[in-house]
Protein backbone atom coordinates (compact mmCIF):
# COMPACT_ATOMS: atom_id res chain seq x y z
CA UNK A 1 81.43 -45.18 76.76
CA UNK A 2 78.63 -46.37 79.00
CA UNK A 3 76.50 -49.21 78.59
CA UNK A 4 73.02 -48.78 76.90
CA UNK A 5 69.78 -51.01 76.52
CA UNK A 6 66.44 -50.83 74.76
CA UNK A 7 64.02 -53.34 74.32
CA UNK A 8 61.51 -54.29 71.52
CA UNK A 9 59.12 -57.07 70.76
CA UNK A 10 59.41 -59.53 67.59
CA UNK A 11 56.62 -62.45 67.62
CA UNK A 12 56.61 -62.65 71.46
CA UNK A 13 60.57 -62.40 71.60
CA UNK A 14 62.04 -59.70 73.79
CA UNK A 15 65.22 -58.34 71.72
CA UNK A 16 67.36 -56.51 74.09
CA UNK A 17 69.71 -54.04 71.84
CA UNK A 18 72.95 -53.62 74.13
CA UNK A 19 75.73 -50.98 73.16
CA UNK A 20 78.85 -50.24 74.71
CA UNK A 21 80.99 -52.01 77.35
CA UNK A 22 79.51 -54.79 79.54
CA UNK A 23 82.39 -54.40 82.84
CA UNK A 24 82.41 -54.73 86.49
CA UNK A 25 79.98 -51.70 87.60
CA UNK A 26 77.90 -50.04 85.95
CA UNK A 27 77.42 -51.93 82.86
CA UNK A 28 77.05 -55.51 84.66
CA UNK A 29 74.61 -53.82 86.75
CA UNK A 30 72.29 -52.57 83.88
CA UNK A 31 72.27 -55.82 82.52
CA UNK A 32 71.33 -57.71 85.24
CA UNK A 33 68.51 -55.21 86.40
CA UNK A 34 66.89 -55.02 82.92
CA UNK A 35 67.11 -58.82 82.59
CA UNK A 36 65.50 -59.20 86.19
CA UNK A 37 62.80 -56.53 85.48
CA UNK A 38 61.81 -58.56 81.98
CA UNK A 39 61.70 -61.70 83.62
CA UNK A 40 59.36 -60.05 86.30
CA UNK A 41 57.22 -58.82 83.93
CA UNK A 42 56.76 -62.13 82.71
CA UNK A 43 59.25 -62.24 79.43
CA UNK A 44 60.67 -65.40 79.41
CA UNK A 45 61.86 -65.61 75.77
CA UNK A 46 64.94 -62.87 75.44
CA UNK A 47 67.06 -62.60 72.93
CA UNK A 48 70.49 -60.48 73.68
CA UNK A 49 71.74 -58.30 70.55
CA UNK A 50 75.46 -57.71 71.75
CA UNK A 51 76.06 -56.34 67.82
CA UNK A 52 77.41 -52.99 69.17
CA UNK A 53 78.81 -54.09 72.50
CA UNK A 54 82.50 -52.99 72.19
CA UNK A 55 83.94 -54.82 74.97
CA UNK A 56 82.85 -57.56 77.61
CA UNK A 57 85.18 -58.02 80.82
CA UNK A 58 85.11 -61.54 82.74
CA UNK A 59 82.37 -59.96 85.07
CA UNK A 60 80.03 -59.11 82.09
CA UNK A 61 80.74 -62.81 81.09
CA UNK A 62 79.76 -63.80 84.72
CA UNK A 63 76.71 -61.79 84.45
CA UNK A 64 75.40 -63.16 81.02
CA UNK A 65 76.45 -66.93 82.25
CA UNK A 66 74.34 -66.17 85.17
CA UNK A 67 71.48 -65.01 83.84
CA UNK A 68 71.09 -68.02 81.46
CA UNK A 69 71.79 -70.78 84.83
CA UNK A 70 69.23 -68.71 86.55
């Protein structure tokens, strides 16, 4: 299953709803690009909803950590 993302606004917070698998390749690239785009548009308060994520490999975890650290 490919990772999919959508975003919504709630009280000034961008909720990023993710589903599927966050893995090396497409999943981690989608996550990286989506978060970069949100930050580039001035969205600093981002909440990741991982409720529908079925699997995260080590590169997916690395991508999550690198976004928090930047």
